[in-house]
Amino acid sequence: MTRMEPQPGIMDIALYVGGASQIAGVSDVVKLSSNENPFGPSPAAIAAVERSARTLHRYPSTDHASLRAALAEVHGLDAARIICGVGSDEIIHFLCQAYAGPGDEVLYTQHGFAMYRISAMAAGATPVEVAERDRTVHVDAILAACTEHTRLVFIANPANPTGTFIQLGEVERLAEGLPEQCLLVLDGAYAEFEEGYDGGAALIEHRDNVVMTRTFSKLYGLGGLRVGWGYASRDIIDVLNRVRGPFNLSSTALEAAEAALGDHAYVEKCLAENAKMRSWLTEALRGLGIGVDDSHANFVLARFSDPAEADACEAHLKTQGLIVRKVAGYKLPEALRITVGDESACRRVVHAIGQFKAVAE
């Protein structure tokens, strides 16, 4: 009997590992490993989920028209140029599936999101990692790495897991300098946390080589429902819709996302609390002698003296019921990524790290 084999390269893909949520033997756990909204979803979104239960026997919309219209209204966009997906991860996957394949290259930066590499390899393309500068996207390095085989360039802005940010002028310079056969994908999973930043939407209005992805998993607290979206030229959206499954999003997810989007007061409250506690957490960690870049997202990256100290601190935090994210897989073995929680969680994690540092010294 002939043995069935997957496509070349599939078994070379390292499985994505999400942030831990449990500690064996510990019940009072604070999860600060997945950049989730500590306040949960909007009450309006919860009510929408409850209402949706009455119509679970019905198929969802295939065109996501109502959510796309709501997104267009809130962000001042063209609804016909919006695509919705199962988290922004699915939009990333669509882009690789549609625009990259064997013989093509997909660029991403040194500490970039793992799904860029995974989706590129799943499409049979070659992932190419480009160095960052001080944990920040380096436009000149990306441009220098581009070749005639480059089809996609992914950057997250603000970046994960570093929290760093490049200004729109640099993003535009990158888009302008890319080869003509290449698309720039702006991953805006954390765009809402940078005040005044549109995720690159305005840039797309006059450039047809830029795509923006966004998510409801972070600010809107809907990680469990998996809703994301993308914005690009009509031609690109038409291509992506041809590989999108017709019922990729459930009615529950669609209705919850639309309700969350409309609860402006709740969104503003969450943004204000994040900005306040992010600033406090940053300064408190720096006061303990820990390196922290200014973060433009809903987490901070705490940098220790070496990987051993980071590992030891993470182990100590676990004994205190605190889960943070080790980011050695993102080539930052000396660092821990810490979600900005509510005030209680932030104070608890700083107190525990302070205890660790005091004992270590």
Protein backbone atom coordinates (compact mmCIF):
# COMPACT_ATOMS: atom_id res chain seq x y z
CA MET A 1 0.00 0.00 0.00
CA THR A 2 1.30 3.46 -0.91
CA ARG A 3 1.95 5.65 2.11
CA MET A 4 0.13 8.98 2.02
CA GLU A 5 2.49 11.93 2.53
CA PRO A 6 1.72 15.59 3.16
CA GLN A 7 2.93 18.28 0.80
CA PRO A 8 6.67 19.08 1.04
CA GLY A 9 7.44 21.45 3.91
CA ILE A 10 4.29 20.79 5.95
CA MET A 11 6.06 18.61 8.53
CA ASP A 12 8.74 21.31 8.90
CA ILE A 13 6.16 23.67 10.41
CA ALA A 14 6.57 24.08 14.15
CA LEU A 15 3.19 23.96 15.88
CA TYR A 16 1.90 27.26 17.24
CA VAL A 17 1.73 27.28 21.03
CA GLY A 18 -0.69 29.70 22.66
CA GLY A 19 -0.32 31.35 26.04
CA ALA A 20 -0.79 29.02 29.01
CA SER A 21 -3.98 29.38 31.05
CA GLN A 22 -3.50 26.95 33.94
CA ILE A 23 -0.95 26.13 36.63
CA ALA A 24 -1.06 22.63 38.08
CA GLY A 25 -2.22 22.70 41.70
CA VAL A 26 -3.06 26.42 41.69
CA SER A 27 -6.66 27.64 41.64
CA ASP A 28 -6.33 31.43 42.02
CA VAL A 29 -4.66 32.04 38.66
CA VAL A 30 -4.20 35.39 36.93
CA LYS A 31 -3.61 34.90 33.21
CA LEU A 32 -1.39 37.58 31.69
CA SER A 33 -0.06 35.51 28.80
CA SER A 34 -2.41 36.12 25.85
CA ASN A 35 -3.02 39.89 25.74
CA GLU A 36 -6.70 39.49 26.52
CA ASN A 37 -8.96 42.33 27.66
CA PRO A 38 -9.03 41.96 31.48
CA PHE A 39 -12.57 43.39 31.56
CA GLY A 40 -13.95 40.84 29.13
CA PRO A 41 -16.36 41.59 26.29
CA SER A 42 -18.87 44.40 26.19
CA PRO A 43 -22.21 43.70 27.92
CA ALA A 44 -23.77 44.44 24.54
CA ALA A 45 -21.72 41.65 22.97
CA ILE A 46 -22.73 39.22 25.72
CA ALA A 47 -26.40 40.07 25.16
CA ALA A 48 -25.95 39.52 21.41
CA VAL A 49 -24.47 36.07 22.06
CA GLU A 50 -27.43 35.17 24.24
CA ARG A 51 -29.92 36.32 21.59
CA SER A 52 -28.11 34.40 18.88
CA ALA A 53 -28.75 31.10 20.68
CA ARG A 54 -32.36 31.24 19.53
CA THR A 55 -31.38 30.96 15.86
CA LEU A 56 -28.50 28.50 15.96
CA HIS A 57 -30.38 26.22 13.55
CA ARG A 58 -29.99 28.85 10.81
CA TYR A 59 -26.91 29.22 8.61
CA PRO A 60 -25.00 32.47 9.02
CA SER A 61 -24.62 35.18 6.41
CA THR A 62 -22.18 34.31 3.65
CA ASP A 63 -21.24 37.91 2.86
CA HIS A 64 -21.02 39.33 6.41
CA ALA A 65 -22.75 42.42 5.04
CA SER A 66 -24.08 43.76 8.34
CA LEU A 67 -20.72 43.57 10.14
CA ARG A 68 -18.87 44.98 7.14
CA ALA A 69 -21.29 47.92 7.03
CA ALA A 70 -20.77 48.57 10.74
CA LEU A 71 -16.98 48.44 10.34
CA ALA A 72 -17.18 50.80 7.38
CA GLU A 73 -19.25 53.29 9.37
CA VAL A 74 -17.03 53.25 12.46
CA HIS A 75 -13.73 53.46 10.57
CA GLY A 76 -14.82 55.52 7.55
CA LEU A 77 -14.10 52.75 5.05
CA ASP A 78 -15.65 51.22 1.95
CA ALA A 79 -17.65 48.15 3.04
CA ALA A 80 -17.06 46.50 -0.34
CA ARG A 81 -13.32 46.44 0.41
CA ILE A 82 -13.64 44.63 3.75
CA ILE A 83 -13.29 40.88 4.25
CA CYS A 84 -14.08 39.05 7.49
CA GLY A 85 -12.26 36.00 8.78
CA VAL A 86 -11.82 33.62 11.68
CA GLY A 87 -9.53 35.99 13.51
CA SER A 88 -6.98 38.00 11.57
CA ASP A 89 -5.01 34.72 11.42
CA GLU A 90 -7.36 33.48 8.71
CA ILE A 91 -6.86 36.65 6.64
CA ILE A 92 -3.10 36.09 6.90
CA HIS A 93 -3.60 32.52 5.74
CA PHE A 94 -5.79 33.66 2.81
CA LEU A 95 -3.08 36.09 1.70
CA CYS A 96 -0.40 33.40 1.64
CA GLN A 97 -2.71 30.92 -0.04
CA ALA A 98 -3.69 33.40 -2.72
CA TYR A 99 -0.44 35.24 -3.38
CA ALA A 100 2.47 32.95 -2.45
CA GLY A 101 3.56 29.46 -3.38
CA PRO A 102 6.58 27.35 -4.29
CA GLY A 103 9.45 29.55 -5.46
CA ASP A 104 8.01 32.66 -3.75
CA GLU A 105 9.31 34.40 -0.64
CA VAL A 106 7.35 35.79 2.29
CA LEU A 107 9.20 38.31 4.47
CA TYR A 108 8.58 39.00 8.14
CA THR A 109 10.67 40.57 10.86
CA GLN A 110 12.92 38.97 13.47
CA HIS A 111 10.42 38.99 16.33
CA GLY A 112 7.32 38.78 14.13
CA PHE A 113 4.11 36.81 14.80
CA ALA A 114 4.60 33.06 14.32
CA MET A 115 1.64 32.74 11.94
CA TYR A 116 3.48 34.63 9.19
CA ARG A 117 6.02 31.84 8.91
CA ILE A 118 3.46 29.07 9.42
CA SER A 119 1.06 30.37 6.75
CA ALA A 120 3.91 30.94 4.29
CA MET A 121 5.15 27.37 4.71
CA ALA A 122 1.63 25.97 4.47
CA ALA A 123 1.36 27.63 1.05
CA GLY A 124 4.69 26.13 -0.05
CA ALA A 125 6.45 29.49 -0.03
CA THR A 126 9.83 30.26 1.53
CA PRO A 127 9.70 32.32 4.76
CA VAL A 128 12.46 34.93 5.05
CA GLU A 129 13.26 36.51 8.40
CA VAL A 130 14.61 40.09 8.44
CA ALA A 131 16.53 41.61 11.36
CA GLU A 132 14.94 44.29 13.52
CA ARG A 133 16.75 47.23 15.12
CA ASP A 134 16.33 47.56 18.89
CA ARG A 135 13.27 45.28 18.73
CA THR A 136 11.66 47.58 16.16
CA VAL A 137 10.78 47.01 12.50
CA HIS A 138 13.71 48.22 10.37
CA VAL A 139 12.40 49.48 7.02
CA ASP A 140 15.78 49.63 5.28
CA ALA A 141 16.57 46.05 6.28
CA ILE A 142 13.27 44.85 4.82
CA LEU A 143 13.82 46.69 1.55
CA ALA A 144 17.34 45.29 1.30
CA ALA A 145 16.01 41.75 1.80
CA CYS A 146 13.45 41.97 -1.00
CA THR A 147 14.14 40.08 -4.21
CA GLU A 148 12.32 39.32 -7.43
CA HIS A 149 10.78 36.37 -5.57
CA THR A 150 9.27 38.42 -2.73
CA ARG A 151 5.48 38.33 -2.83
CA LEU A 152 4.39 39.32 0.68
CA VAL A 153 5.88 41.39 3.50
CA PHE A 154 4.25 41.13 6.92
CA ILE A 155 4.76 43.67 9.69
CA ALA A 156 2.78 44.09 12.88
CA ASN A 157 2.35 47.70 13.93
CA PRO A 158 2.23 47.96 16.94
CA ALA A 159 4.41 44.87 17.05
CA ASN A 160 3.90 41.70 19.05
CA PRO A 161 5.65 40.65 21.31
CA THR A 162 7.73 43.83 21.56
CA GLY A 163 5.02 46.49 21.66
CA THR A 164 7.14 48.81 19.52
CA PHE A 165 5.71 51.04 16.78
CA ILE A 166 6.90 52.72 13.59
CA GLN A 167 5.36 55.96 12.37
CA LEU A 168 3.11 56.10 9.32
CA GLY A 169 5.79 57.89 7.31
CA GLU A 170 8.07 54.88 7.68
CA VAL A 171 5.24 52.54 6.73
CA GLU A 172 4.58 54.60 3.60
CA ARG A 173 8.29 54.57 2.74
CA LEU A 174 8.24 50.80 2.99
CA ALA A 175 5.18 50.49 0.75
CA GLU A 176 6.75 52.84 -1.79
CA GLY A 177 10.02 50.91 -1.94
CA LEU A 178 8.68 47.36 -2.32
CA PRO A 179 9.01 45.48 -5.62
CA GLU A 180 5.97 45.86 -7.86
CA GLN A 181 4.95 42.20 -7.48
CA CYS A 182 4.86 42.46 -3.67
CA LEU A 183 2.09 43.21 -1.15
CA LEU A 184 2.68 44.88 2.21
CA VAL A 185 0.47 43.42 4.94
CA LEU A 186 -0.03 45.62 8.00
CA ASP A 187 -1.09 43.45 10.93
CA GLY A 188 -3.12 45.81 13.10
CA ALA A 189 -4.15 43.45 15.88
CA TYR A 190 -3.11 46.14 18.38
CA ALA A 191 -3.81 49.23 16.26
CA GLU A 192 -6.58 50.54 18.53
CA PHE A 193 -4.14 50.91 21.42
CA GLU A 194 -2.08 53.56 19.57
CA GLU A 195 -4.08 56.76 19.81
CA GLY A 196 -4.72 58.42 16.46
CA TYR A 197 -3.45 55.47 14.41
CA ASP A 198 -5.76 54.11 11.71
CA GLY A 199 -3.86 50.86 11.15
CA GLY A 200 -2.83 52.03 7.68
CA ALA A 201 -6.36 52.48 6.33
CA ALA A 202 -5.69 55.92 4.82
CA LEU A 203 -2.56 54.59 3.12
CA ILE A 204 -4.62 51.91 1.40
CA GLU A 205 -6.84 54.59 -0.16
CA HIS A 206 -4.00 55.67 -2.44
CA ARG A 207 -1.87 52.51 -2.62
CA ASP A 208 -3.05 49.23 -4.10
CA ASN A 209 -0.12 47.21 -2.70
CA VAL A 210 -1.12 47.48 0.98
CA VAL A 211 -3.45 45.27 3.01
CA MET A 212 -4.57 45.90 6.59
CA THR A 213 -5.68 43.18 9.01
CA ARG A 214 -7.52 43.79 12.29
CA THR A 215 -9.08 41.72 15.05
CA PHE A 216 -11.84 41.66 17.66
CA SER A 217 -9.73 39.44 19.94
CA LYS A 218 -7.80 42.12 21.83
CA LEU A 219 -9.53 45.40 22.63
CA TYR A 220 -13.03 44.00 22.06
CA GLY A 221 -12.48 40.93 24.22
CA LEU A 222 -13.84 38.39 21.72
CA GLY A 223 -10.84 36.07 21.46
CA GLY A 224 -13.07 33.07 22.14
CA LEU A 225 -15.27 33.81 19.13
CA ARG A 226 -12.45 34.39 16.61
CA VAL A 227 -13.43 37.39 14.49
CA GLY A 228 -11.01 39.34 12.34
CA TRP A 229 -11.17 41.44 9.22
CA GLY A 230 -9.05 42.87 6.45
CA TYR A 231 -9.11 45.96 4.22
CA ALA A 232 -7.50 46.38 0.80
CA SER A 233 -8.24 47.29 -2.81
CA ARG A 234 -11.34 45.73 -4.36
CA ASP A 235 -9.18 43.55 -6.58
CA ILE A 236 -7.36 42.03 -3.61
CA ILE A 237 -10.55 41.50 -1.61
CA ASP A 238 -12.11 39.80 -4.64
CA VAL A 239 -9.17 37.40 -4.76
CA LEU A 240 -9.32 36.63 -1.04
CA ASN A 241 -13.07 35.99 -1.12
CA ARG A 242 -12.47 33.28 -3.70
CA VAL A 243 -10.53 31.20 -1.16
CA ARG A 244 -12.73 32.09 1.83
CA GLY A 245 -15.20 29.46 2.94
CA PRO A 246 -18.80 30.70 2.54
CA PHE A 247 -19.73 30.12 6.20
CA ASN A 248 -16.38 30.84 7.87
CA LEU A 249 -17.96 32.93 10.65
CA SER A 250 -20.89 31.86 12.82
CA SER A 251 -23.97 34.00 13.37
CA THR A 252 -23.02 34.25 17.03
CA ALA A 253 -19.57 35.61 16.21
CA LEU A 254 -20.91 38.09 13.66
CA GLU A 255 -23.62 39.44 15.94
CA ALA A 256 -21.32 39.71 18.95
CA ALA A 257 -18.68 41.57 16.94
CA GLU A 258 -21.19 44.05 15.58
CA ALA A 259 -22.57 44.69 19.06
CA ALA A 260 -19.07 45.13 20.53
CA LEU A 261 -18.16 47.55 17.77
CA GLY A 262 -21.18 49.71 18.59
CA ASP A 263 -20.52 49.97 22.32
CA HIS A 264 -18.32 53.04 22.07
CA ALA A 265 -18.45 53.92 25.77
CA TYR A 266 -17.15 50.49 26.75
CA VAL A 267 -14.36 50.70 24.17
CA GLU A 268 -13.25 54.09 25.46
CA LYS A 269 -13.28 52.81 29.04
CA CYS A 270 -11.09 49.84 28.14
CA LEU A 271 -8.65 52.01 26.20
CA ALA A 272 -8.34 54.50 29.06
CA GLU A 273 -7.75 51.76 31.64
CA ASN A 274 -5.15 50.09 29.44
CA ALA A 275 -3.26 53.34 28.86
CA LYS A 276 -3.25 54.14 32.60
CA MET A 277 -2.11 50.71 33.78
CA ARG A 278 0.35 50.25 30.90
CA SER A 279 2.13 53.42 31.96
CA TRP A 280 2.09 52.38 35.63
CA LEU A 281 3.34 48.86 34.86
CA THR A 282 6.14 50.17 32.64
CA GLU A 283 7.45 52.59 35.24
CA ALA A 284 7.08 50.09 38.07
CA LEU A 285 9.13 47.47 36.21
CA ARG A 286 11.77 50.01 35.26
CA GLY A 287 11.95 50.93 38.92
CA LEU A 288 12.93 47.32 39.61
CA GLY A 289 15.81 47.61 37.15
CA ILE A 290 14.04 45.74 34.34
CA GLY A 291 14.33 46.95 30.75
CA VAL A 292 10.99 47.88 29.18
CA ASP A 293 10.50 49.59 25.83
CA ASP A 294 7.61 52.04 25.52
CA SER A 295 4.66 49.84 24.55
CA HIS A 296 1.97 50.87 22.10
CA ALA A 297 -0.20 47.82 22.76
CA ASN A 298 -1.93 46.10 25.71
CA PHE A 299 1.18 44.38 27.04
CA VAL A 300 4.75 45.17 28.00
CA LEU A 301 7.94 43.27 27.25
CA ALA A 302 10.04 42.89 30.38
CA ARG A 303 13.73 42.29 29.59
CA PHE A 304 15.95 40.64 32.19
CA SER A 305 19.73 40.38 32.39
CA ASP A 306 19.83 37.00 30.65
CA PRO A 307 17.64 34.00 29.72
CA ALA A 308 18.34 32.27 33.02
CA GLU A 309 16.98 35.20 35.03
CA ALA A 310 13.88 35.41 32.82
CA ASP A 311 13.22 31.70 33.25
CA ALA A 312 13.69 31.88 37.00
CA CYS A 313 11.36 34.86 37.28
CA GLU A 314 8.70 33.13 35.19
CA ALA A 315 8.95 30.08 37.46
CA HIS A 316 8.58 32.27 40.56
CA LEU A 317 5.52 34.00 39.08
CA LYS A 318 3.89 30.63 38.57
CA THR A 319 4.29 29.86 42.27
CA GLN A 320 2.31 33.04 42.90
CA GLY A 321 -0.47 32.05 40.49
CA LEU A 322 0.67 34.46 37.78
CA ILE A 323 1.00 33.33 34.15
CA VAL A 324 3.04 35.49 31.76
CA ARG A 325 4.40 34.60 28.32
CA LYS A 326 7.91 33.33 27.68
CA VAL A 327 9.00 34.58 24.26
CA ALA A 328 12.16 32.61 23.57
CA GLY A 329 10.36 31.27 20.48
CA TYR A 330 10.32 34.86 19.21
CA LYS A 331 14.09 35.09 19.69
CA LEU A 332 13.75 36.99 22.95
CA PRO A 333 14.87 34.39 25.51
CA GLU A 334 15.80 37.06 28.04
CA ALA A 335 12.29 38.53 28.08
CA LEU A 336 8.79 37.89 29.39
CA ARG A 337 5.70 39.40 27.80
CA ILE A 338 3.17 40.60 30.37
CA THR A 339 -0.40 41.50 29.47
CA VAL A 340 -1.66 44.76 30.96
CA GLY A 341 -4.34 43.47 33.32
CA ASP A 342 -6.61 45.39 35.64
CA GLU A 343 -5.06 47.35 38.51
CA SER A 344 -5.12 44.41 40.91
CA ALA A 345 -3.36 42.10 38.45
CA CYS A 346 -0.73 44.70 37.56
CA ARG A 347 0.08 45.39 41.19
CA ARG A 348 0.18 41.69 41.96
CA VAL A 349 2.66 40.90 39.19
CA VAL A 350 4.94 43.82 40.06
CA HIS A 351 4.92 42.80 43.73
CA ALA A 352 5.85 39.22 42.79
CA ILE A 353 8.66 40.35 40.46
CA GLY A 354 9.90 42.68 43.19
CA GLN A 355 10.03 39.71 45.59
CA PHE A 356 11.95 37.71 43.01
CA LYS A 357 14.49 40.47 42.43
CA ALA A 358 15.00 41.00 46.16
CA VAL A 359 15.76 37.31 46.74
CA ALA A 360 17.97 37.09 43.64
CA GLU A 361 20.10 39.98 44.83
